[in-house]
Each structure stands twice: as C-alpha cells, then as structure tokens.
C-alpha cells in the first residue's frame, strides 16, 4: 500500500510539471552542445533524446522534423534562441 504524499512532496511534483518546458529547453541546449561534438552512433543517440526535448520545449513537430533532416546544430541553436 502506498503512503500519501506530504505537502512538500506535492509541491515538488507540481513545480516540476509547471516548469517542464523550461527543463526540456535547458536539456535541449545541453544536447545541442553534445551534438556538435558527437558522430556516428553516439550522434544518433543524442538526436533521439534531443527530438523529445525539442517537442517538450514547445517546437512544432514539423519544425523538429525539418531540423532533424538538416542535421545542423547551428539551426537548432537558432530555433532554441527564439524560445528563450
């Protein structure tokens, strides 16, 4: 049986979901840096994580698809700069 959450725990959970887009944006910016430095299989793994974070950050799926096809970290950085 699960125990009820405390007020403190509820507040943490609420704040996490309230700031989910900002968290995703921060992670996406970090992954753009990784994308600059990676190649091969690691680059593909970074892209998998990056696509999810770009969508959570608020980019339209068509725009994410276009960025993925271009495979240019500079374009992604420009798109993220507009969200900040």
N, C-alpha and C. Protein backbone atom coordinates (compact mmCIF):
# COMPACT_ATOMS: atom_id res chain seq x y z
N UNK A 1 0.83 -1.16 0.00
CA UNK A 1 0.00 0.00 0.00
C UNK A 1 0.89 1.25 0.00
N UNK A 2 0.54 2.21 -0.82
CA UNK A 2 1.34 3.43 -0.90
C UNK A 2 0.90 4.43 0.16
N UNK A 3 1.85 5.15 0.65
CA UNK A 3 1.57 6.17 1.66
C UNK A 3 1.21 7.46 0.95
N UNK A 4 0.34 8.25 1.55
CA UNK A 4 0.00 9.53 0.93
C UNK A 4 1.23 10.46 0.92
N UNK A 5 1.26 11.30 -0.10
CA UNK A 5 2.38 12.24 -0.22
C UNK A 5 2.20 13.39 0.77
N UNK A 6 3.34 13.92 1.21
CA UNK A 6 3.30 15.08 2.09
C UNK A 6 3.06 16.33 1.25
N UNK A 7 2.75 17.42 1.90
CA UNK A 7 2.57 18.69 1.18
C UNK A 7 3.84 19.08 0.44
N UNK A 8 4.96 18.84 1.06
CA UNK A 8 6.26 19.16 0.46
C UNK A 8 6.47 18.37 -0.83
N UNK A 9 6.16 17.09 -0.80
CA UNK A 9 6.31 16.25 -1.98
C UNK A 9 5.35 16.70 -3.09
N UNK A 10 4.13 17.03 -2.71
CA UNK A 10 3.15 17.51 -3.69
C UNK A 10 3.63 18.80 -4.34
N UNK A 11 4.22 19.68 -3.55
CA UNK A 11 4.73 20.96 -4.08
C UNK A 11 5.87 20.72 -5.07
N UNK A 12 6.76 19.79 -4.76
CA UNK A 12 7.86 19.47 -5.66
C UNK A 12 7.33 18.93 -6.98
N UNK A 13 6.38 18.03 -6.92
CA UNK A 13 5.80 17.44 -8.13
C UNK A 13 5.10 18.50 -8.96
N UNK A 14 4.32 19.38 -8.31
CA UNK A 14 3.63 20.45 -9.01
C UNK A 14 4.61 21.39 -9.71
N UNK A 15 5.67 21.77 -9.00
CA UNK A 15 6.67 22.67 -9.58
C UNK A 15 7.39 22.02 -10.76
N UNK A 16 7.66 20.73 -10.66
CA UNK A 16 8.32 20.02 -11.77
C UNK A 16 7.47 20.11 -13.02
N UNK A 17 6.20 19.79 -12.93
CA UNK A 17 5.33 19.81 -14.11
C UNK A 17 5.04 21.22 -14.58
N UNK A 18 5.05 22.18 -13.67
CA UNK A 18 4.85 23.57 -14.07
C UNK A 18 6.04 24.07 -14.89
N UNK A 19 7.23 23.59 -14.57
CA UNK A 19 8.45 24.04 -15.24
C UNK A 19 8.98 23.04 -16.26
N UNK A 20 8.16 22.11 -16.68
CA UNK A 20 8.61 21.05 -17.58
C UNK A 20 9.16 21.60 -18.89
N UNK A 21 8.53 22.63 -19.46
CA UNK A 21 9.02 23.20 -20.71
C UNK A 21 10.39 23.86 -20.53
N UNK A 22 10.60 24.53 -19.42
CA UNK A 22 11.90 25.16 -19.16
C UNK A 22 12.98 24.09 -18.93
N UNK A 23 12.62 23.02 -18.27
CA UNK A 23 13.56 21.92 -18.05
C UNK A 23 13.94 21.29 -19.39
N UNK A 24 12.95 21.06 -20.24
CA UNK A 24 13.20 20.47 -21.56
C UNK A 24 14.06 21.40 -22.41
N UNK A 25 13.82 22.70 -22.32
CA UNK A 25 14.61 23.67 -23.07
C UNK A 25 16.08 23.63 -22.62
N UNK A 26 16.31 23.57 -21.33
CA UNK A 26 17.67 23.50 -20.80
C UNK A 26 18.37 22.23 -21.27
N UNK A 27 17.67 21.10 -21.20
CA UNK A 27 18.26 19.84 -21.65
C UNK A 27 18.55 19.87 -23.15
N UNK A 28 17.66 20.48 -23.93
CA UNK A 28 17.87 20.57 -25.37
C UNK A 28 19.11 21.40 -25.68
N UNK A 29 19.31 22.49 -24.94
CA UNK A 29 20.51 23.31 -25.17
C UNK A 29 21.78 22.53 -24.85
N UNK A 30 21.74 21.74 -23.80
CA UNK A 30 22.90 20.91 -23.46
C UNK A 30 23.15 19.85 -24.53
N UNK A 31 22.08 19.31 -25.09
CA UNK A 31 22.23 18.27 -26.10
C UNK A 31 22.71 18.82 -27.43
N UNK A 32 22.43 20.09 -27.72
CA UNK A 32 22.98 20.71 -28.93
C UNK A 32 24.50 20.74 -28.84
N UNK A 33 25.01 21.04 -27.65
CA UNK A 33 26.46 21.02 -27.44
C UNK A 33 27.01 19.62 -27.68
N UNK A 34 26.32 18.61 -27.15
CA UNK A 34 26.75 17.24 -27.37
C UNK A 34 26.71 16.89 -28.85
N UNK A 35 25.72 17.40 -29.56
CA UNK A 35 25.57 17.11 -30.99
C UNK A 35 26.75 17.66 -31.78
N UNK A 36 27.23 18.84 -31.41
CA UNK A 36 28.40 19.41 -32.07
C UNK A 36 29.60 18.48 -31.95
N UNK A 37 29.72 17.80 -30.82
CA UNK A 37 30.92 17.02 -30.52
C UNK A 37 30.80 15.54 -30.89
N UNK A 38 29.61 15.07 -31.20
CA UNK A 38 29.43 13.63 -31.41
C UNK A 38 29.37 13.28 -32.89
N UNK A 39 29.59 12.00 -33.14
CA UNK A 39 29.48 11.47 -34.50
C UNK A 39 29.15 9.99 -34.42
N UNK A 40 28.64 9.46 -35.51
CA UNK A 40 28.32 8.03 -35.57
C UNK A 40 27.12 7.65 -34.72
N UNK A 41 27.24 6.53 -34.03
CA UNK A 41 26.13 6.00 -33.22
C UNK A 41 25.79 6.93 -32.07
N UNK A 42 26.79 7.57 -31.50
CA UNK A 42 26.52 8.48 -30.38
C UNK A 42 25.69 9.67 -30.86
N UNK A 43 25.96 10.15 -32.07
CA UNK A 43 25.20 11.27 -32.61
C UNK A 43 23.73 10.88 -32.77
N UNK A 44 23.48 9.66 -33.21
CA UNK A 44 22.11 9.19 -33.37
C UNK A 44 21.40 9.12 -32.01
N UNK A 45 22.11 8.67 -30.98
CA UNK A 45 21.53 8.59 -29.64
C UNK A 45 21.21 9.99 -29.11
N UNK A 46 22.09 10.95 -29.38
CA UNK A 46 21.85 12.33 -28.95
C UNK A 46 20.61 12.88 -29.66
N UNK A 47 20.48 12.58 -30.95
CA UNK A 47 19.32 13.04 -31.70
C UNK A 47 18.03 12.49 -31.13
N UNK A 48 18.04 11.22 -30.72
CA UNK A 48 16.83 10.61 -30.16
C UNK A 48 16.36 11.38 -28.92
N UNK A 49 17.29 11.71 -28.04
CA UNK A 49 16.93 12.47 -26.83
C UNK A 49 16.54 13.91 -27.18
N UNK A 50 17.26 14.48 -28.13
CA UNK A 50 17.04 15.88 -28.50
C UNK A 50 15.66 16.09 -29.10
N UNK A 51 15.21 15.18 -29.93
CA UNK A 51 13.90 15.32 -30.56
C UNK A 51 12.80 15.39 -29.50
N UNK A 52 12.88 14.52 -28.52
CA UNK A 52 11.88 14.54 -27.45
C UNK A 52 11.89 15.84 -26.67
N UNK A 53 13.08 16.34 -26.36
CA UNK A 53 13.17 17.58 -25.60
C UNK A 53 12.76 18.80 -26.42
N UNK A 54 13.01 18.78 -27.72
CA UNK A 54 12.57 19.90 -28.56
C UNK A 54 11.05 19.98 -28.59
N UNK A 55 10.40 18.82 -28.67
CA UNK A 55 8.94 18.82 -28.68
C UNK A 55 8.38 19.26 -27.33
N UNK A 56 8.99 18.81 -26.24
CA UNK A 56 8.55 19.22 -24.91
C UNK A 56 8.78 20.71 -24.68
N UNK A 57 9.82 21.26 -25.31
CA UNK A 57 10.15 22.68 -25.13
C UNK A 57 9.18 23.58 -25.88
N UNK A 58 8.41 23.00 -26.82
CA UNK A 58 7.39 23.81 -27.50
C UNK A 58 7.58 23.97 -28.99
N UNK A 59 8.55 23.30 -29.58
CA UNK A 59 8.70 23.38 -31.03
C UNK A 59 7.66 22.50 -31.71
N UNK A 60 7.15 22.95 -32.83
CA UNK A 60 6.16 22.19 -33.59
C UNK A 60 6.83 20.94 -34.19
N UNK A 61 6.13 19.80 -34.20
CA UNK A 61 6.72 18.56 -34.73
C UNK A 61 7.26 18.68 -36.16
N UNK A 62 6.61 19.51 -36.99
CA UNK A 62 7.12 19.70 -38.36
C UNK A 62 8.47 20.42 -38.34
N UNK A 63 8.61 21.37 -37.45
CA UNK A 63 9.87 22.10 -37.33
C UNK A 63 10.96 21.17 -36.80
N UNK A 64 10.61 20.32 -35.85
CA UNK A 64 11.57 19.36 -35.31
C UNK A 64 12.02 18.41 -36.42
N UNK A 65 11.07 17.97 -37.23
CA UNK A 65 11.39 17.06 -38.34
C UNK A 65 12.34 17.74 -39.32
N UNK A 66 12.08 19.00 -39.62
CA UNK A 66 12.94 19.75 -40.54
C UNK A 66 14.36 19.88 -39.97
N UNK A 67 14.46 20.20 -38.69
CA UNK A 67 15.77 20.33 -38.06
C UNK A 67 16.51 18.99 -38.08
N UNK A 68 15.78 17.91 -37.87
CA UNK A 68 16.39 16.58 -37.88
C UNK A 68 16.92 16.25 -39.27
N UNK A 69 16.17 16.61 -40.30
CA UNK A 69 16.60 16.34 -41.67
C UNK A 69 17.83 17.16 -42.04
N UNK A 70 17.90 18.41 -41.55
CA UNK A 70 19.04 19.26 -41.85
C UNK A 70 20.29 18.81 -41.11
N UNK A 71 20.12 18.26 -39.91
CA UNK A 71 21.22 17.74 -39.09
C UNK A 71 22.31 18.79 -38.87
N UNK A 72 21.88 20.02 -38.58
CA UNK A 72 22.82 21.12 -38.36
C UNK A 72 22.59 21.70 -36.96
N UNK A 73 23.54 21.52 -36.05
CA UNK A 73 23.37 22.03 -34.68
C UNK A 73 23.18 23.55 -34.63
N UNK A 74 23.74 24.29 -35.59
CA UNK A 74 23.59 25.74 -35.60
C UNK A 74 22.13 26.14 -35.82
N UNK A 75 21.41 25.41 -36.66
CA UNK A 75 20.00 25.70 -36.89
C UNK A 75 19.18 25.43 -35.63
N UNK A 76 19.53 24.37 -34.93
CA UNK A 76 18.82 24.04 -33.70
C UNK A 76 19.06 25.12 -32.66
N UNK A 77 20.30 25.57 -32.56
CA UNK A 77 20.63 26.62 -31.60
C UNK A 77 19.84 27.89 -31.89
N UNK A 78 19.67 28.23 -33.17
CA UNK A 78 18.90 29.42 -33.54
C UNK A 78 17.43 29.24 -33.16
N UNK A 79 16.88 28.05 -33.40
CA UNK A 79 15.48 27.79 -33.04
C UNK A 79 15.28 27.87 -31.53
N UNK A 80 16.23 27.37 -30.77
CA UNK A 80 16.13 27.42 -29.31
C UNK A 80 16.30 28.84 -28.79
N UNK A 81 17.10 29.62 -29.47
CA UNK A 81 17.31 31.01 -29.05
C UNK A 81 16.00 31.79 -29.13
N UNK A 82 15.15 31.44 -30.09
CA UNK A 82 13.85 32.11 -30.23
C UNK A 82 12.91 31.76 -29.08
N UNK A 83 13.09 30.58 -28.49
CA UNK A 83 12.23 30.16 -27.39
C UNK A 83 12.63 30.78 -26.05
N UNK A 84 13.88 31.22 -25.96
CA UNK A 84 14.36 31.74 -24.69
C UNK A 84 13.87 33.11 -24.43
